[in-house]
Amino acid sequence: MAYGEVMLTPDGLSLGPLNLGWTALTLLLGYAVWSAQARFPHADLAALVTLLVARLWAALPGLSAARPLSENLLDLVDVHRGDWAWGPGLLAGALTLWLLSGRRWPAGAWPTLGLTVLAGFLPLLLQPANQADLTLPTTQLATVSATETGPATPLPPGQVVNFWATWCGPCRAELPLLEAQLAAGAPVTLVNVGESPQTVQAFLQREGLTLTTHTGGEALTGTMQVSAFPTTLAVNGAGQVVRRHLGPLSGAQLQRLLRAAQESFSRLTFRQLPQYRTHHFRVSLAASRLHHPAHEKALQRLLAAPERFGLGRVRGE
């Protein structure tokens, strides 16, 4: 949906070269209304407590001693990264205002709080329709790592899919997090957009990264409505987008996207399983390239009773 230079995308609001994700819009609109309307004492401190608690509540689950200290700190202080837990944050801010005001509400506090929450919810009303209408194509894309190039394969469903580019600063910032998750066996797929395999391979070598990424992602960006980078999608086992995020990820947010993709996969019905098989399974379990318990359980259901799906006996070697 576009209005001149202003365009609404599944990921947020595009203002020419500037892209604001829905999380950023919620923060900006809510803070702007509170700053303009809150004329009572302690309003600024209450806002600060709200922001700190919302940020800490959302980011702390993703912090890890296994990650560099700098990355953990960025998860906390980089407002472009990750998301916010507004429920706990608003509760903490309201409690702070009530206590500092002598255990009573200042005049005008309730209407101001109501307007602030309404402004924060406005981006939810602007978001385009259900993203489950977007289905991962079966387009085959080549793969590349720092040491080798691989054959073209389709993107597997039941994954978190990250669209990135080497020239994109926020993309580069989150690559160590994604690489660590890949090394741990997490279902994460990287897709480079608009750059040659040689350029990508040289970048991986220069940065000392061991991850593998698909290239040629420009063939998918239109279908998946990717308008800026990095964009990360949680894709269920039927290849449908169930959640998405524009901007760099925090550790906690990546875990939430992984859970969204995996939980959606484990809830696949028998009716959806043939779609999954057609989309990626291609008869052989080995060919699926999926090695996660939720995947195996769903696929074994298909193998055990293919006639229930209108299929012939499926070979599972």
C-alpha atoms as a PDB file:
ATOM      1  CA  MET A   1       0.000   0.000   0.000  1.00  0.00           C
ATOM      2  CA  ALA A   2       1.608   3.261  -1.098  1.00  0.00           C
ATOM      3  CA  TYR A   3       0.769   6.940  -0.803  1.00  0.00           C
ATOM      4  CA  GLY A   4       3.242   8.891  -2.949  1.00  0.00           C
ATOM      5  CA  GLU A   5       6.595   8.484  -1.279  1.00  0.00           C
ATOM      6  CA  VAL A   6       4.983   6.934   1.822  1.00  0.00           C
ATOM      7  CA  MET A   7       4.481   3.171   1.633  1.00  0.00           C
ATOM      8  CA  LEU A   8       3.079   0.684   4.109  1.00  0.00           C
ATOM      9  CA  THR A   9       4.858  -2.674   3.959  1.00  0.00           C
ATOM     10  CA  PRO A  10       4.419  -5.853   6.031  1.00  0.00           C
ATOM     11  CA  ASP A  11       7.463  -4.712   8.031  1.00  0.00           C
ATOM     12  CA  GLY A  12       6.590  -1.084   8.730  1.00  0.00           C
ATOM     13  CA  LEU A  13       6.416   2.380   7.216  1.00  0.00           C
ATOM     14  CA  SER A  14       8.687   3.355   4.333  1.00  0.00           C
ATOM     15  CA  LEU A  15       9.395   7.076   3.920  1.00  0.00           C
ATOM     16  CA  GLY A  16      11.587   7.211   0.832  1.00  0.00           C
ATOM     17  CA  PRO A  17      14.976   5.851   1.944  1.00  0.00           C
ATOM     18  CA  LEU A  18      13.877   5.692   5.612  1.00  0.00           C
ATOM     19  CA  ASN A  19      12.243   2.500   6.881  1.00  0.00           C
ATOM     20  CA  LEU A  20      10.567   2.378  10.288  1.00  0.00           C
ATOM     21  CA  GLY A  21       9.527  -1.010  11.634  1.00  0.00           C
ATOM     22  CA  TRP A  22       6.293  -1.453  13.569  1.00  0.00           C
ATOM     23  CA  THR A  23       8.209  -1.720  16.849  1.00  0.00           C
ATOM     24  CA  ALA A  24       9.947   1.608  16.217  1.00  0.00           C
ATOM     25  CA  LEU A  25       6.652   3.261  15.243  1.00  0.00           C
ATOM     26  CA  THR A  26       5.012   2.083  18.465  1.00  0.00           C
ATOM     27  CA  LEU A  27       7.886   3.541  20.485  1.00  0.00           C
ATOM     28  CA  LEU A  28       7.938   6.874  18.628  1.00  0.00           C
ATOM     29  CA  LEU A  29       4.176   7.467  18.628  1.00  0.00           C
ATOM     30  CA  GLY A  30       3.687   6.466  22.248  1.00  0.00           C
ATOM     31  CA  TYR A  31       6.593   8.554  23.517  1.00  0.00           C
ATOM     32  CA  ALA A  32       5.560  11.565  21.420  1.00  0.00           C
ATOM     33  CA  VAL A  33       2.014  11.580  22.834  1.00  0.00           C
ATOM     34  CA  TRP A  34       3.199  11.114  26.434  1.00  0.00           C
ATOM     35  CA  SER A  35       5.795  13.891  26.101  1.00  0.00           C
ATOM     36  CA  ALA A  36       3.234  16.286  24.626  1.00  0.00           C
ATOM     37  CA  GLN A  37       0.374  15.561  27.061  1.00  0.00           C
ATOM     38  CA  ALA A  38       1.975  14.612  30.397  1.00  0.00           C
ATOM     39  CA  ARG A  39       2.238  17.965  32.217  1.00  0.00           C
ATOM     40  CA  PHE A  40       2.167  16.621  35.784  1.00  0.00           C
ATOM     41  CA  PRO A  41       5.124  16.008  38.137  1.00  0.00           C
ATOM     42  CA  HIS A  42       7.269  12.875  37.750  1.00  0.00           C
ATOM     43  CA  ALA A  43       5.965  12.187  34.225  1.00  0.00           C
ATOM     44  CA  ASP A  44       9.477  12.075  32.745  1.00  0.00           C
ATOM     45  CA  LEU A  45      10.750   9.656  35.394  1.00  0.00           C
ATOM     46  CA  ALA A  46       7.718   7.400  34.897  1.00  0.00           C
ATOM     47  CA  ALA A  47       8.437   7.334  31.148  1.00  0.00           C
ATOM     48  CA  LEU A  48      12.073   6.443  31.795  1.00  0.00           C
ATOM     49  CA  VAL A  49      11.102   3.574  34.113  1.00  0.00           C
ATOM     50  CA  THR A  50       8.625   2.326  31.499  1.00  0.00           C
ATOM     51  CA  LEU A  51      11.289   2.252  28.791  1.00  0.00           C
ATOM     52  CA  LEU A  52      13.938   0.612  31.005  1.00  0.00           C
ATOM     53  CA  VAL A  53      11.654  -2.146  32.283  1.00  0.00           C
ATOM     54  CA  ALA A  54      10.142  -2.805  28.836  1.00  0.00           C
ATOM     55  CA  ARG A  55      13.613  -3.096  27.335  1.00  0.00           C
ATOM     56  CA  LEU A  56      15.122  -5.245  30.081  1.00  0.00           C
ATOM     57  CA  TRP A  57      12.098  -7.557  30.231  1.00  0.00           C
ATOM     58  CA  ALA A  58      12.297  -8.187  26.479  1.00  0.00           C
ATOM     59  CA  ALA A  59      16.094  -8.468  26.176  1.00  0.00           C
ATOM     60  CA  LEU A  60      17.274 -10.311  29.300  1.00  0.00           C
ATOM     61  CA  PRO A  61      16.151 -13.813  28.173  1.00  0.00           C
ATOM     62  CA  GLY A  62      18.518 -13.559  25.183  1.00  0.00           C
ATOM     63  CA  LEU A  63      21.636 -12.491  27.067  1.00  0.00           C
ATOM     64  CA  SER A  64      24.258 -15.197  27.389  1.00  0.00           C
ATOM     65  CA  ALA A  65      27.742 -15.606  28.801  1.00  0.00           C
ATOM     66  CA  ALA A  66      28.607 -17.434  25.583  1.00  0.00           C
ATOM     67  CA  ARG A  67      28.151 -14.208  23.604  1.00  0.00           C
ATOM     68  CA  PRO A  68      30.660 -11.333  23.616  1.00  0.00           C
ATOM     69  CA  LEU A  69      29.932  -8.654  26.216  1.00  0.00           C
ATOM     70  CA  SER A  70      29.583  -6.043  23.462  1.00  0.00           C
ATOM     71  CA  GLU A  71      26.761  -7.995  21.817  1.00  0.00           C
ATOM     72  CA  ASN A  72      24.913  -8.408  25.099  1.00  0.00           C
ATOM     73  CA  LEU A  73      25.207  -4.672  25.716  1.00  0.00           C
ATOM     74  CA  LEU A  74      23.933  -3.860  22.230  1.00  0.00           C
ATOM     75  CA  ASP A  75      20.877  -6.039  22.870  1.00  0.00           C
ATOM     76  CA  LEU A  76      20.086  -3.686  25.749  1.00  0.00           C
ATOM     77  CA  VAL A  77      20.983  -0.245  24.414  1.00  0.00           C
ATOM     78  CA  ASP A  78      20.510  -0.412  20.625  1.00  0.00           C
ATOM     79  CA  VAL A  79      16.869   0.623  20.168  1.00  0.00           C
ATOM     80  CA  HIS A  80      16.909  -0.637  16.571  1.00  0.00           C
ATOM     81  CA  ARG A  81      17.615  -4.173  17.802  1.00  0.00           C
ATOM     82  CA  GLY A  82      15.004  -6.507  19.217  1.00  0.00           C
ATOM     83  CA  ASP A  83      11.686  -5.467  20.711  1.00  0.00           C
ATOM     84  CA  TRP A  84      10.016  -4.179  23.901  1.00  0.00           C
ATOM     85  CA  ALA A  85       7.803  -5.758  26.575  1.00  0.00           C
ATOM     86  CA  TRP A  86       5.246  -2.957  26.883  1.00  0.00           C
ATOM     87  CA  GLY A  87       2.953  -4.717  29.362  1.00  0.00           C
ATOM     88  CA  PRO A  88       5.520  -4.972  32.195  1.00  0.00           C
ATOM     89  CA  GLY A  89       6.990  -1.603  31.213  1.00  0.00           C
ATOM     90  CA  LEU A  90       3.678   0.277  31.441  1.00  0.00           C
ATOM     91  CA  LEU A  91       2.838  -1.417  34.724  1.00  0.00           C
ATOM     92  CA  ALA A  92       6.209  -0.393  36.220  1.00  0.00           C
ATOM     93  CA  GLY A  93       5.868   3.172  34.927  1.00  0.00           C
ATOM     94  CA  ALA A  94       2.336   3.554  36.268  1.00  0.00           C
ATOM     95  CA  LEU A  95       3.387   2.176  39.663  1.00  0.00           C
ATOM     96  CA  THR A  96       6.322   4.607  39.769  1.00  0.00           C
ATOM     97  CA  LEU A  97       4.056   7.569  39.009  1.00  0.00           C
ATOM     98  CA  TRP A  98       1.535   6.473  41.642  1.00  0.00           C
ATOM     99  CA  LEU A  99       4.165   6.043  44.369  1.00  0.00           C
ATOM    100  CA  LEU A 100       5.990   9.295  43.641  1.00  0.00           C
ATOM    101  CA  SER A 101       2.686  11.197  43.615  1.00  0.00           C
ATOM    102  CA  GLY A 102       1.871  10.193  47.188  1.00  0.00           C
ATOM    103  CA  ARG A 103       0.047   6.975  46.263  1.00  0.00           C
ATOM    104  CA  ARG A 104      -2.537   8.750  44.181  1.00  0.00           C
ATOM    105  CA  TRP A 105      -2.953   9.543  40.496  1.00  0.00           C
ATOM    106  CA  PRO A 106      -2.071  13.079  39.363  1.00  0.00           C
ATOM    107  CA  ALA A 107      -4.831  15.023  37.656  1.00  0.00           C
ATOM    108  CA  GLY A 108      -4.937  14.136  33.979  1.00  0.00           C
ATOM    109  CA  ALA A 109      -2.804  11.003  34.324  1.00  0.00           C
ATOM    110  CA  TRP A 110      -5.439   8.495  33.238  1.00  0.00           C
ATOM    111  CA  PRO A 111      -6.503  10.315  30.026  1.00  0.00           C
ATOM    112  CA  THR A 112      -2.847  10.863  29.114  1.00  0.00           C
ATOM    113  CA  LEU A 113      -2.021   7.198  29.682  1.00  0.00           C
ATOM    114  CA  GLY A 114      -5.025   6.170  27.609  1.00  0.00           C
ATOM    115  CA  LEU A 115      -3.986   8.391  24.695  1.00  0.00           C
ATOM    116  CA  THR A 116      -0.424   7.057  24.907  1.00  0.00           C
ATOM    117  CA  VAL A 117      -1.557   3.431  24.746  1.00  0.00           C
ATOM    118  CA  LEU A 118      -3.942   4.233  21.887  1.00  0.00           C
ATOM    119  CA  ALA A 119      -1.118   5.892  19.934  1.00  0.00           C
ATOM    120  CA  GLY A 120       1.080   2.846  20.551  1.00  0.00           C
ATOM    121  CA  PHE A 121      -1.617   0.535  19.199  1.00  0.00           C
ATOM    122  CA  LEU A 122      -2.103   2.594  16.034  1.00  0.00           C
ATOM    123  CA  PRO A 123       0.649   0.741  14.096  1.00  0.00           C
ATOM    124  CA  LEU A 124      -1.238  -2.514  14.685  1.00  0.00           C
ATOM    125  CA  LEU A 125      -4.188  -1.049  12.786  1.00  0.00           C
ATOM    126  CA  LEU A 126      -1.951   0.021   9.908  1.00  0.00           C
ATOM    127  CA  GLN A 127      -0.310  -3.358   9.371  1.00  0.00           C
ATOM    128  CA  PRO A 128      -1.292  -5.114   6.131  1.00  0.00           C
ATOM    129  CA  ALA A 129      -3.349  -8.288   6.093  1.00  0.00           C
ATOM    130  CA  ASN A 130      -2.391 -11.701   7.461  1.00  0.00           C
ATOM    131  CA  GLN A 131       1.136 -12.714   6.502  1.00  0.00           C
ATOM    132  CA  ALA A 132       0.137 -16.387   6.293  1.00  0.00           C
ATOM    133  CA  ASP A 133      -0.964 -15.517   2.750  1.00  0.00           C
ATOM    134  CA  LEU A 134       2.761 -15.279   1.905  1.00  0.00           C
ATOM    135  CA  THR A 135       4.203 -18.700   1.120  1.00  0.00           C
ATOM    136  CA  LEU A 136       7.886 -19.484   0.670  1.00  0.00           C
ATOM    137  CA  PRO A 137       8.582 -20.184  -3.031  1.00  0.00           C
ATOM    138  CA  THR A 138      10.328 -23.363  -4.141  1.00  0.00           C
ATOM    139  CA  THR A 139      12.859 -21.311  -6.115  1.00  0.00           C
ATOM    140  CA  GLN A 140      16.283 -22.934  -5.912  1.00  0.00           C
ATOM    141  CA  LEU A 141      19.126 -20.713  -4.717  1.00  0.00           C
ATOM    142  CA  ALA A 142      22.851 -21.448  -4.723  1.00  0.00           C
ATOM    143  CA  THR A 143      24.706 -21.680  -1.405  1.00  0.00           C
ATOM    144  CA  VAL A 144      28.121 -20.337  -0.472  1.00  0.00           C
ATOM    145  CA  SER A 145      30.434 -20.368   2.538  1.00  0.00           C
ATOM    146  CA  ALA A 146      33.911 -18.979   3.126  1.00  0.00           C
ATOM    147  CA  THR A 147      35.463 -22.162   1.753  1.00  0.00           C
ATOM    148  CA  GLU A 148      33.085 -23.558  -0.861  1.00  0.00           C
ATOM    149  CA  THR A 149      30.044 -23.061  -3.044  1.00  0.00           C
ATOM    150  CA  GLY A 150      27.157 -25.487  -2.985  1.00  0.00           C
ATOM    151  CA  PRO A 151      24.365 -26.597  -5.297  1.00  0.00           C
ATOM    152  CA  ALA A 152      21.144 -24.662  -5.666  1.00  0.00           C
ATOM    153  CA  THR A 153      18.407 -25.826  -3.277  1.00  0.00           C
ATOM    154  CA  PRO A 154      14.997 -24.465  -2.232  1.00  0.00           C
ATOM    155  CA  LEU A 155      14.677 -22.776   1.132  1.00  0.00           C
ATOM    156  CA  PRO A 156      13.408 -25.252   3.751  1.00  0.00           C
ATOM    157  CA  PRO A 157      10.182 -24.456   5.633  1.00  0.00           C
ATOM    158  CA  GLY A 158       9.970 -24.634   9.414  1.00  0.00           C
ATOM    159  CA  GLN A 159      12.843 -22.137   9.655  1.00  0.00           C
ATOM    160  CA  VAL A 160      13.789 -18.586  10.525  1.00  0.00           C
ATOM    161  CA  VAL A 161      14.820 -16.986   7.215  1.00  0.00           C
ATOM    162  CA  ASN A 162      17.078 -13.921   7.313  1.00  0.00           C
ATOM    163  CA  PHE A 163      17.480 -11.665   4.248  1.00  0.00           C
ATOM    164  CA  TRP A 164      20.752  -9.717   4.358  1.00  0.00           C
ATOM    165  CA  ALA A 165      23.493  -7.977   2.341  1.00  0.00           C
ATOM    166  CA  THR A 166      27.190  -7.383   2.973  1.00  0.00           C
ATOM    167  CA  TRP A 167      26.831  -3.581   2.580  1.00  0.00           C
ATOM    168  CA  CYS A 168      24.127  -3.448   5.281  1.00  0.00           C
ATOM    169  CA  GLY A 169      25.582  -2.410   8.655  1.00  0.00           C
ATOM    170  CA  PRO A 170      22.742  -3.825  10.817  1.00  0.00           C
ATOM    171  CA  CYS A 171      22.980  -7.092   8.835  1.00  0.00           C
ATOM    172  CA  ARG A 172      26.679  -7.390   9.592  1.00  0.00           C
ATOM    173  CA  ALA A 173      26.049  -6.620  13.269  1.00  0.00           C
ATOM    174  CA  GLU A 174      23.692  -9.574  13.726  1.00  0.00           C
ATOM    175  CA  LEU A 175      25.712 -12.151  11.748  1.00  0.00           C
ATOM    176  CA  PRO A 176      27.692 -13.375  14.814  1.00  0.00           C
ATOM    177  CA  LEU A 177      24.402 -14.094  16.613  1.00  0.00           C
ATOM    178  CA  LEU A 178      23.005 -15.957  13.615  1.00  0.00           C
ATOM    179  CA  GLU A 179      26.246 -17.881  13.134  1.00  0.00           C
ATOM    180  CA  ALA A 180      26.225 -18.994  16.774  1.00  0.00           C
ATOM    181  CA  GLN A 181      22.652 -20.244  16.422  1.00  0.00           C
ATOM    182  CA  LEU A 182      23.523 -22.103  13.234  1.00  0.00           C
ATOM    183  CA  ALA A 183      26.499 -23.746  14.954  1.00  0.00           C
ATOM    184  CA  ALA A 184      24.153 -24.868  17.721  1.00  0.00           C
ATOM    185  CA  GLY A 185      21.873 -26.539  15.158  1.00  0.00           C
ATOM    186  CA  ALA A 186      19.078 -23.965  15.180  1.00  0.00           C
ATOM    187  CA  PRO A 187      16.794 -23.903  12.102  1.00  0.00           C
ATOM    188  CA  VAL A 188      18.099 -20.651  10.623  1.00  0.00           C
ATOM    189  CA  THR A 189      18.558 -19.969   6.910  1.00  0.00           C
ATOM    190  CA  LEU A 190      20.423 -16.936   5.558  1.00  0.00           C
ATOM    191  CA  VAL A 191      19.646 -15.436   2.154  1.00  0.00           C
ATOM    192  CA  ASN A 192      21.943 -12.822   0.639  1.00  0.00           C
ATOM    193  CA  VAL A 193      20.278 -10.367  -1.722  1.00  0.00           C
ATOM    194  CA  GLY A 194      21.685  -8.650  -4.784  1.00  0.00           C
ATOM    195  CA  GLU A 195      25.330  -9.753  -4.605  1.00  0.00           C
ATOM    196  CA  SER A 196      27.385 -12.327  -6.481  1.00  0.00           C
ATOM    197  CA  PRO A 197      28.554 -15.540  -4.770  1.00  0.00           C
ATOM    198  CA  GLN A 198      32.142 -14.306  -5.214  1.00  0.00           C
ATOM    199  CA  THR A 199      31.397 -11.063  -3.360  1.00  0.00           C
ATOM    200  CA  VAL A 200      29.648 -12.909  -0.538  1.00  0.00           C
ATOM    201  CA  GLN A 201      32.405 -15.500  -0.237  1.00  0.00           C
ATOM    202  CA  ALA A 202      35.102 -12.823  -0.091  1.00  0.00           C
ATOM    203  CA  PHE A 203      33.155 -11.056   2.671  1.00  0.00           C
ATOM    204  CA  LEU A 204      32.784 -14.259   4.717  1.00  0.00           C
ATOM    205  CA  GLN A 205      36.507 -14.957   4.372  1.00  0.00           C
ATOM    206  CA  ARG A 206      37.437 -11.415   5.379  1.00  0.00           C
ATOM    207  CA  GLU A 207      35.188 -11.475   8.440  1.00  0.00           C
ATOM    208  CA  GLY A 208      36.202 -14.981   9.506  1.00  0.00           C
ATOM    209  CA  LEU A 209      32.612 -16.268   9.400  1.00  0.00           C
ATOM    210  CA  THR A 210      31.966 -19.990   8.982  1.00  0.00           C
ATOM    211  CA  LEU A 211      28.252 -19.816   8.200  1.00  0.00           C
ATOM    212  CA  THR A 212      26.648 -20.876   4.917  1.00  0.00           C
ATOM    213  CA  THR A 213      24.224 -18.605   3.108  1.00  0.00           C
ATOM    214  CA  HIS A 214      22.033 -18.773   0.047  1.00  0.00           C
ATOM    215  CA  THR A 215      22.647 -16.181  -2.655  1.00  0.00           C
ATOM    216  CA  GLY A 216      20.355 -14.746  -5.322  1.00  0.00           C
ATOM    217  CA  GLY A 217      17.695 -13.736  -2.820  1.00  0.00           C
ATOM    218  CA  GLU A 218      16.528 -10.930  -5.097  1.00  0.00           C
ATOM    219  CA  ALA A 219      14.452 -13.632  -6.797  1.00  0.00           C
ATOM    220  CA  LEU A 220      12.356 -13.894  -3.592  1.00  0.00           C
ATOM    221  CA  THR A 221      12.178 -10.364  -2.198  1.00  0.00           C
ATOM    222  CA  GLY A 222       9.173  -9.367  -4.304  1.00  0.00           C
ATOM    223  CA  THR A 223       7.172 -12.479  -3.428  1.00  0.00           C
ATOM    224  CA  MET A 224       8.020 -12.239   0.273  1.00  0.00           C
ATOM    225  CA  GLN A 225       7.520  -8.432   0.319  1.00  0.00           C
ATOM    226  CA  VAL A 226      10.994  -7.715   1.647  1.00  0.00           C
ATOM    227  CA  SER A 227      11.604  -3.975   1.281  1.00  0.00           C
ATOM    228  CA  ALA A 228      14.666  -3.320   3.508  1.00  0.00           C
ATOM    229  CA  PHE A 229      17.438  -5.178   5.316  1.00  0.00           C
ATOM    230  CA  PRO A 230      17.829  -7.058   7.484  1.00  0.00           C
ATOM    231  CA  THR A 231      14.386  -8.656   7.314  1.00  0.00           C
ATOM    232  CA  THR A 232      13.793 -11.864   9.243  1.00  0.00           C
ATOM    233  CA  LEU A 233      10.823 -14.202   8.709  1.00  0.00           C
ATOM    234  CA  ALA A 234       9.522 -17.046  10.861  1.00  0.00           C
ATOM    235  CA  VAL A 235       8.235 -19.614   8.366  1.00  0.00           C
ATOM    236  CA  ASN A 236       6.119 -22.575   9.466  1.00  0.00           C
ATOM    237  CA  GLY A 237       6.265 -26.117   8.125  1.00  0.00           C
ATOM    238  CA  ALA A 238       3.760 -25.348   5.378  1.00  0.00           C
ATOM    239  CA  GLY A 239       6.030 -22.567   4.109  1.00  0.00           C
ATOM    240  CA  GLN A 240       3.791 -19.771   5.443  1.00  0.00           C
ATOM    241  CA  VAL A 241       5.129 -16.627   7.102  1.00  0.00           C
ATOM    242  CA  VAL A 242       3.844 -16.535  10.686  1.00  0.00           C
ATOM    243  CA  ARG A 243       5.957 -13.651  12.015  1.00  0.00           C
ATOM    244  CA  ARG A 244       8.463 -11.146  10.685  1.00  0.00           C
ATOM    245  CA  HIS A 245      10.806  -8.383  11.842  1.00  0.00           C
ATOM    246  CA  LEU A 246      12.583  -5.496  10.142  1.00  0.00           C
ATOM    247  CA  GLY A 247      15.945  -4.548  11.625  1.00  0.00           C
ATOM    248  CA  PRO A 248      18.697  -6.284  13.601  1.00  0.00           C
ATOM    249  CA  LEU A 249      17.703  -9.017  16.034  1.00  0.00           C
ATOM    250  CA  SER A 250      18.418  -9.345  19.723  1.00  0.00           C
ATOM    251  CA  GLY A 251      19.133 -12.785  21.139  1.00  0.00           C
ATOM    252  CA  ALA A 252      15.734 -12.913  22.858  1.00  0.00           C
ATOM    253  CA  GLN A 253      13.844 -11.893  19.737  1.00  0.00           C
ATOM    254  CA  LEU A 254      15.601 -14.524  17.633  1.00  0.00           C
ATOM    255  CA  GLN A 255      14.555 -17.157  20.168  1.00  0.00           C
ATOM    256  CA  ARG A 256      10.949 -15.969  19.919  1.00  0.00           C
ATOM    257  CA  LEU A 257      11.038 -16.193  16.118  1.00  0.00           C
ATOM    258  CA  LEU A 258      12.521 -19.692  16.324  1.00  0.00           C
ATOM    259  CA  ARG A 259       9.747 -20.761  18.695  1.00  0.00           C
ATOM    260  CA  ALA A 260       7.118 -19.269  16.387  1.00  0.00           C
ATOM    261  CA  ALA A 261       8.431 -21.248  13.412  1.00  0.00           C
ATOM    262  CA  GLN A 262       8.774 -24.495  15.365  1.00  0.00           C
ATOM    263  CA  GLU A 263       5.483 -24.248  17.236  1.00  0.00           C
ATOM    264  CA  SER A 264       3.664 -23.578  13.992  1.00  0.00           C
ATOM    265  CA  PHE A 265       5.371 -26.634  12.513  1.00  0.00           C
ATOM    266  CA  SER A 266       4.390 -28.911  15.396  1.00  0.00           C
ATOM    267  CA  ARG A 267       0.752 -27.811  15.022  1.00  0.00           C
ATOM    268  CA  LEU A 268       0.563 -28.881  11.367  1.00  0.00           C
ATOM    269  CA  THR A 269      -2.625 -30.839  10.745  1.00  0.00           C
ATOM    270  CA  PHE A 270      -2.919 -33.947   8.628  1.00  0.00           C
ATOM    271  CA  ARG A 271      -4.543 -31.780   5.974  1.00  0.00           C
ATOM    272  CA  GLN A 272      -1.518 -29.482   5.887  1.00  0.00           C
ATOM    273  CA  LEU A 273       1.072 -32.244   5.764  1.00  0.00           C
ATOM    274  CA  PRO A 274       0.585 -33.007   2.042  1.00  0.00           C
ATOM    275  CA  GLN A 275       1.227 -29.312   1.365  1.00  0.00           C
ATOM    276  CA  TYR A 276       4.422 -29.605   3.380  1.00  0.00           C
ATOM    277  CA  ARG A 277       5.439 -32.722   1.468  1.00  0.00           C
ATOM    278  CA  THR A 278       4.712 -31.088  -1.873  1.00  0.00           C
ATOM    279  CA  HIS A 279       6.530 -27.938  -0.865  1.00  0.00           C
ATOM    280  CA  HIS A 280       9.764 -29.478   0.268  1.00  0.00           C
ATOM    281  CA  PHE A 281       9.680 -33.113   1.391  1.00  0.00           C
ATOM    282  CA  ARG A 282      10.093 -34.540  -2.113  1.00  0.00           C
ATOM    283  CA  VAL A 283       9.544 -38.172  -1.036  1.00  0.00           C
ATOM    284  CA  SER A 284      12.796 -38.664   0.876  1.00  0.00           C
ATOM    285  CA  LEU A 285      13.356 -37.699   4.499  1.00  0.00           C
ATOM    286  CA  ALA A 286      17.042 -37.167   3.776  1.00  0.00           C
ATOM    287  CA  ALA A 287      16.240 -34.704   1.010  1.00  0.00           C
ATOM    288  CA  SER A 288      14.285 -32.478   3.378  1.00  0.00           C
ATOM    289  CA  ARG A 289      17.462 -31.235   5.094  1.00  0.00           C
ATOM    290  CA  LEU A 290      15.409 -30.836   8.275  1.00  0.00           C
ATOM    291  CA  HIS A 291      16.789 -32.458  11.406  1.00  0.00           C
ATOM    292  CA  HIS A 292      14.695 -31.134  14.274  1.00  0.00           C
ATOM    293  CA  PRO A 293      12.474 -33.234  16.585  1.00  0.00           C
ATOM    294  CA  ALA A 294       9.285 -31.372  15.686  1.00  0.00           C
ATOM    295  CA  HIS A 295      10.004 -31.882  11.982  1.00  0.00           C
ATOM    296  CA  GLU A 296      10.797 -35.566  12.367  1.00  0.00           C
ATOM    297  CA  LYS A 297       7.628 -36.202  14.359  1.00  0.00           C
ATOM    298  CA  ALA A 298       5.412 -34.560  11.742  1.00  0.00           C
ATOM    299  CA  LEU A 299       7.165 -36.319   8.871  1.00  0.00           C
ATOM    300  CA  GLN A 300       6.967 -39.704  10.559  1.00  0.00           C
ATOM    301  CA  ARG A 301       3.218 -39.215  10.785  1.00  0.00           C
ATOM    302  CA  LEU A 302       3.207 -38.794   7.024  1.00  0.00           C
ATOM    303  CA  LEU A 303       5.361 -41.880   6.524  1.00  0.00           C
ATOM    304  CA  ALA A 304       3.252 -44.033   8.835  1.00  0.00           C
ATOM    305  CA  ALA A 305      -0.073 -43.354   7.141  1.00  0.00           C
ATOM    306  CA  PRO A 306       0.348 -41.732   3.708  1.00  0.00           C
ATOM    307  CA  GLU A 307      -2.971 -43.124   2.520  1.00  0.00           C
ATOM    308  CA  ARG A 308      -4.705 -40.800   4.971  1.00  0.00           C
ATOM    309  CA  PHE A 309      -3.402 -37.886   2.902  1.00  0.00           C
ATOM    310  CA  GLY A 310      -4.318 -39.351  -0.460  1.00  0.00           C
ATOM    311  CA  LEU A 311      -0.692 -40.365  -1.128  1.00  0.00           C
ATOM    312  CA  GLY A 312       0.894 -43.622  -2.096  1.00  0.00           C
ATOM    313  CA  ARG A 313       3.391 -45.330   0.197  1.00  0.00           C
ATOM    314  CA  VAL A 314       6.236 -42.898   0.871  1.00  0.00           C
ATOM    315  CA  ARG A 315       9.787 -44.167   0.981  1.00  0.00           C
ATOM    316  CA  GLY A 316      11.661 -42.946   4.054  1.00  0.00           C
ATOM    317  CA  GLU A 317      15.273 -43.951   3.532  1.00  0.00           C
END
